[in-house]
N, C-alpha and C. Protein backbone atom coordinates (compact mmCIF):
# COMPACT_ATOMS: atom_id res chain seq x y z
N UNK A 1 97.21 114.65 88.15
CA UNK A 1 97.06 115.25 86.86
C UNK A 1 97.34 116.85 87.15
N UNK A 2 98.19 117.35 86.32
CA UNK A 2 98.46 118.79 86.39
C UNK A 2 97.64 119.50 85.25
N UNK A 3 97.11 120.59 85.60
CA UNK A 3 96.38 121.34 84.58
C UNK A 3 97.14 122.62 84.37
N UNK A 4 97.57 122.73 83.16
CA UNK A 4 98.50 123.94 82.85
C UNK A 4 97.46 125.24 82.57
N UNK A 5 96.26 124.96 81.99
CA UNK A 5 95.35 126.11 81.71
C UNK A 5 94.35 126.15 82.67
N UNK A 6 94.08 127.12 83.39
CA UNK A 6 93.17 127.16 84.48
C UNK A 6 91.76 127.25 83.93
N UNK A 7 91.61 127.61 82.61
CA UNK A 7 90.23 127.56 82.02
C UNK A 7 89.90 126.14 81.85
N UNK A 8 90.73 125.07 81.89
CA UNK A 8 90.29 123.78 81.65
C UNK A 8 89.68 123.20 82.83
N UNK A 9 89.73 123.87 84.07
CA UNK A 9 89.24 123.33 85.27
C UNK A 9 87.79 123.72 85.34
N UNK A 10 86.91 122.76 85.44
CA UNK A 10 85.49 123.07 85.66
C UNK A 10 85.01 122.74 86.98
N UNK A 11 84.49 123.61 87.68
CA UNK A 11 84.07 123.35 89.13
C UNK A 11 83.00 122.42 89.08
N UNK A 12 83.12 121.44 89.90
CA UNK A 12 82.02 120.26 89.82
C UNK A 12 81.44 120.22 91.27
N UNK A 13 80.21 119.61 91.40
CA UNK A 13 79.62 119.52 92.68
C UNK A 13 80.44 118.38 93.33
N UNK A 14 80.98 118.78 94.58
CA UNK A 14 81.83 117.94 95.30
C UNK A 14 81.40 117.31 96.52
N UNK A 15 79.98 117.50 96.70
CA UNK A 15 79.32 117.06 97.89
C UNK A 15 79.41 115.47 97.87
N UNK A 16 79.68 114.90 99.00
CA UNK A 16 79.64 113.43 99.18
C UNK A 16 79.26 113.14 100.68
N UNK A 17 78.61 111.88 100.84
CA UNK A 17 78.45 111.55 102.14
C UNK A 17 79.64 110.85 102.64
N UNK A 18 80.10 111.23 103.82
CA UNK A 18 81.35 110.64 104.34
C UNK A 18 80.84 109.81 105.76
N UNK A 19 81.69 108.72 106.01
CA UNK A 19 81.70 108.07 107.20
C UNK A 19 83.03 108.16 107.85
N UNK A 20 83.09 108.64 109.08
CA UNK A 20 84.38 108.67 109.78
C UNK A 20 84.29 108.01 111.03
N UNK A 21 85.11 107.06 111.20
CA UNK A 21 85.02 106.09 112.46
C UNK A 21 86.17 106.65 113.31
N UNK A 22 85.85 106.73 114.62
CA UNK A 22 86.90 107.21 115.57
C UNK A 22 86.88 106.16 116.79
N UNK A 23 87.97 106.01 117.49
CA UNK A 23 87.99 105.16 118.74
C UNK A 23 87.56 106.06 119.73
N UNK A 24 86.56 105.64 120.56
CA UNK A 24 86.04 106.34 121.53
C UNK A 24 84.61 106.82 121.40
N UNK A 25 84.19 107.59 122.32
CA UNK A 25 82.65 108.05 122.23
C UNK A 25 82.71 109.61 122.47
N UNK A 26 81.85 110.23 121.66
CA UNK A 26 81.74 111.66 121.76
C UNK A 26 80.53 111.95 122.54
N UNK A 27 80.61 112.83 123.55
CA UNK A 27 79.46 113.19 124.34
C UNK A 27 78.65 114.22 123.65
N UNK A 28 77.35 114.32 124.21
CA UNK A 28 76.42 115.07 123.64
C UNK A 28 76.83 116.60 123.25
N UNK A 29 77.49 117.13 124.24
CA UNK A 29 78.00 118.45 124.09
C UNK A 29 78.81 118.63 122.80
N UNK A 30 79.90 117.67 122.75
CA UNK A 30 80.84 117.71 121.65
C UNK A 30 80.15 117.42 120.32
N UNK A 31 78.94 116.61 120.32
CA UNK A 31 78.36 116.31 119.01
C UNK A 31 77.90 117.66 118.33
N UNK A 32 77.50 118.75 119.19
CA UNK A 32 77.11 119.89 118.68
C UNK A 32 78.08 120.66 117.80
N UNK A 33 79.44 120.23 117.89
CA UNK A 33 80.51 120.76 117.08
C UNK A 33 80.36 120.30 115.63
N UNK A 34 79.66 119.21 115.47
CA UNK A 34 79.52 118.54 114.11
C UNK A 34 78.07 118.72 113.61
N UNK A 35 77.76 119.98 113.27
CA UNK A 35 76.42 120.29 112.78
C UNK A 35 75.94 119.41 111.70
N UNK A 36 74.75 118.90 111.74
CA UNK A 36 73.98 118.10 110.72
C UNK A 36 74.71 116.91 110.35
N UNK A 37 75.48 116.31 111.31
CA UNK A 37 76.10 115.09 111.18
C UNK A 37 75.35 113.96 112.09
N UNK A 38 75.34 112.88 111.58
CA UNK A 38 74.80 111.61 112.49
C UNK A 38 75.77 110.93 113.15
N UNK A 39 75.45 110.33 114.21
CA UNK A 39 76.36 109.52 115.23
C UNK A 39 75.86 108.19 115.30
N UNK A 40 76.69 107.20 115.45
CA UNK A 40 76.31 105.80 115.76
C UNK A 40 77.28 105.22 116.58
N UNK A 41 77.05 104.54 117.69
CA UNK A 41 78.02 104.09 118.56
C UNK A 41 78.00 102.47 118.50
N UNK A 42 79.19 101.94 118.60
CA UNK A 42 79.30 100.39 118.69
C UNK A 42 80.63 100.08 119.37
N UNK A 43 81.03 98.81 119.36
CA UNK A 43 82.18 98.39 120.03
C UNK A 43 82.94 97.51 119.15
N UNK A 44 84.16 97.51 119.17
CA UNK A 44 84.91 96.65 118.16
C UNK A 44 85.20 95.29 118.92
N UNK A 45 85.96 94.43 118.25
CA UNK A 45 86.16 93.04 118.78
C UNK A 45 86.76 93.05 120.18
N UNK A 46 87.61 94.06 120.43
CA UNK A 46 88.23 94.10 121.74
C UNK A 46 87.27 94.79 122.83
N UNK A 47 86.20 95.12 122.41
CA UNK A 47 85.33 95.83 123.56
C UNK A 47 85.54 97.35 123.72
N UNK A 48 86.33 97.93 122.66
CA UNK A 48 86.54 99.44 122.79
C UNK A 48 85.41 100.13 121.98
N UNK A 49 84.95 101.19 122.66
CA UNK A 49 83.81 102.05 122.01
C UNK A 49 84.31 102.63 120.57
N UNK A 50 83.46 102.56 119.69
CA UNK A 50 83.71 103.15 118.34
C UNK A 50 82.58 104.06 118.14
N UNK A 51 82.83 105.29 117.60
CA UNK A 51 81.79 106.22 117.02
C UNK A 51 82.01 106.41 115.57
N UNK A 52 80.87 106.36 114.89
CA UNK A 52 80.81 106.63 113.34
C UNK A 52 80.08 107.89 113.12
N UNK A 53 80.69 108.88 112.75
CA UNK A 53 80.12 110.16 112.31
C UNK A 53 79.88 110.11 110.85
N UNK A 54 78.63 110.48 110.41
CA UNK A 54 78.29 110.49 108.95
C UNK A 54 77.46 111.57 108.57
N UNK A 55 77.60 112.00 107.44
CA UNK A 55 76.88 113.15 106.73
C UNK A 55 77.45 113.58 105.55
N UNK A 56 76.82 114.88 105.03
CA UNK A 56 77.24 115.40 104.00
C UNK A 56 78.48 116.18 104.19
N UNK A 57 79.51 116.14 103.41
CA UNK A 57 80.78 117.02 103.44
C UNK A 57 80.77 117.73 102.10
N UNK A 58 80.82 119.13 101.98
CA UNK A 58 80.64 119.65 100.85
C UNK A 58 81.70 119.81 99.87
N UNK A 59 82.95 119.81 100.59
CA UNK A 59 84.22 119.91 99.70
C UNK A 59 85.33 119.56 100.69
N UNK A 60 86.56 119.55 100.09
CA UNK A 60 87.73 118.99 100.80
C UNK A 60 87.99 119.88 102.02
N UNK A 61 87.72 121.22 102.01
CA UNK A 61 88.01 122.08 103.04
C UNK A 61 87.07 121.73 104.21
N UNK A 62 85.89 121.32 103.83
CA UNK A 62 84.89 121.00 105.06
C UNK A 62 85.41 119.71 105.60
N UNK A 63 85.90 118.79 104.76
CA UNK A 63 86.41 117.48 105.32
C UNK A 63 87.48 117.78 106.13
N UNK A 64 88.40 118.61 105.78
CA UNK A 64 89.62 118.98 106.69
C UNK A 64 89.20 119.48 107.96
N UNK A 65 88.28 120.50 107.99
CA UNK A 65 87.69 121.16 109.01
C UNK A 65 87.09 120.21 110.16
N UNK A 66 86.30 119.08 109.55
CA UNK A 66 85.71 118.14 110.38
C UNK A 66 86.79 117.21 111.01
N UNK A 67 87.83 116.92 110.19
CA UNK A 67 88.98 115.99 110.76
C UNK A 67 89.80 116.81 111.77
N UNK A 68 89.85 118.13 111.58
CA UNK A 68 90.55 119.01 112.55
C UNK A 68 89.97 119.04 113.89
N UNK A 69 88.52 119.14 113.81
CA UNK A 69 87.63 119.02 115.02
C UNK A 69 87.87 117.79 115.84
N UNK A 70 88.00 116.64 115.06
CA UNK A 70 88.26 115.25 115.71
C UNK A 70 89.62 115.40 116.30
N UNK A 71 90.64 115.98 115.55
CA UNK A 71 91.88 116.09 116.12
C UNK A 71 91.96 116.89 117.39
N UNK A 72 91.24 117.92 117.40
CA UNK A 72 91.23 118.80 118.54
C UNK A 72 90.64 118.10 119.78
N UNK A 73 89.72 117.20 119.64
CA UNK A 73 89.08 116.40 120.56
C UNK A 73 89.98 115.23 121.01
N UNK A 74 91.11 115.08 120.40
CA UNK A 74 92.10 113.99 120.70
C UNK A 74 91.64 112.60 120.40
N UNK A 75 90.69 112.41 119.39
CA UNK A 75 90.44 111.09 119.04
C UNK A 75 91.14 110.48 118.01
N UNK A 76 91.31 109.19 118.02
CA UNK A 76 92.00 108.41 117.02
C UNK A 76 91.11 108.15 115.86
N UNK A 77 91.41 108.52 114.61
CA UNK A 77 90.57 108.22 113.44
C UNK A 77 90.96 106.83 112.93
N UNK A 78 89.91 106.08 112.75
CA UNK A 78 90.12 104.68 112.40
C UNK A 78 89.84 104.53 110.86
N UNK A 79 88.86 105.29 110.37
CA UNK A 79 88.40 105.11 109.08
C UNK A 79 87.73 106.35 108.53
N UNK A 80 88.13 106.75 107.23
CA UNK A 80 87.39 107.79 106.54
C UNK A 80 86.93 107.12 105.17
N UNK A 81 85.66 107.22 105.08
CA UNK A 81 85.06 106.49 103.84
C UNK A 81 84.13 107.38 103.17
N UNK A 82 84.23 107.65 101.86
CA UNK A 82 83.41 108.48 101.02
C UNK A 82 82.40 107.56 100.24
N UNK A 83 81.18 108.03 100.29
CA UNK A 83 80.15 107.33 99.54
C UNK A 83 79.99 107.96 98.13
N UNK A 84 79.06 107.59 97.45
CA UNK A 84 78.66 108.23 96.13
C UNK A 84 78.30 109.75 96.24
N UNK A 85 78.45 110.49 95.15
CA UNK A 85 77.93 111.84 95.24
C UNK A 85 76.51 111.86 95.49
N UNK A 86 76.04 113.13 95.97
CA UNK A 86 74.81 113.26 96.37
C UNK A 86 73.95 113.79 95.20
């Protein structure tokens, strides 16, 4: 949707809980890069380690920054899932 009149845009609360699954495990030192996020480790059907990072993402720039950190650590993103608004 394109909005021609900027006054029509209403700033909305964009906080959501996100779950981001990556292939591999994040060590404790690297977990500190993701402040206030939770971590859960599991394995997939092939026995590969999977880490789920979950927590509040306040807006799209915060999401991008989180994904950039994952990129910087050279992990493969398997899933990005947004939950209901907070």
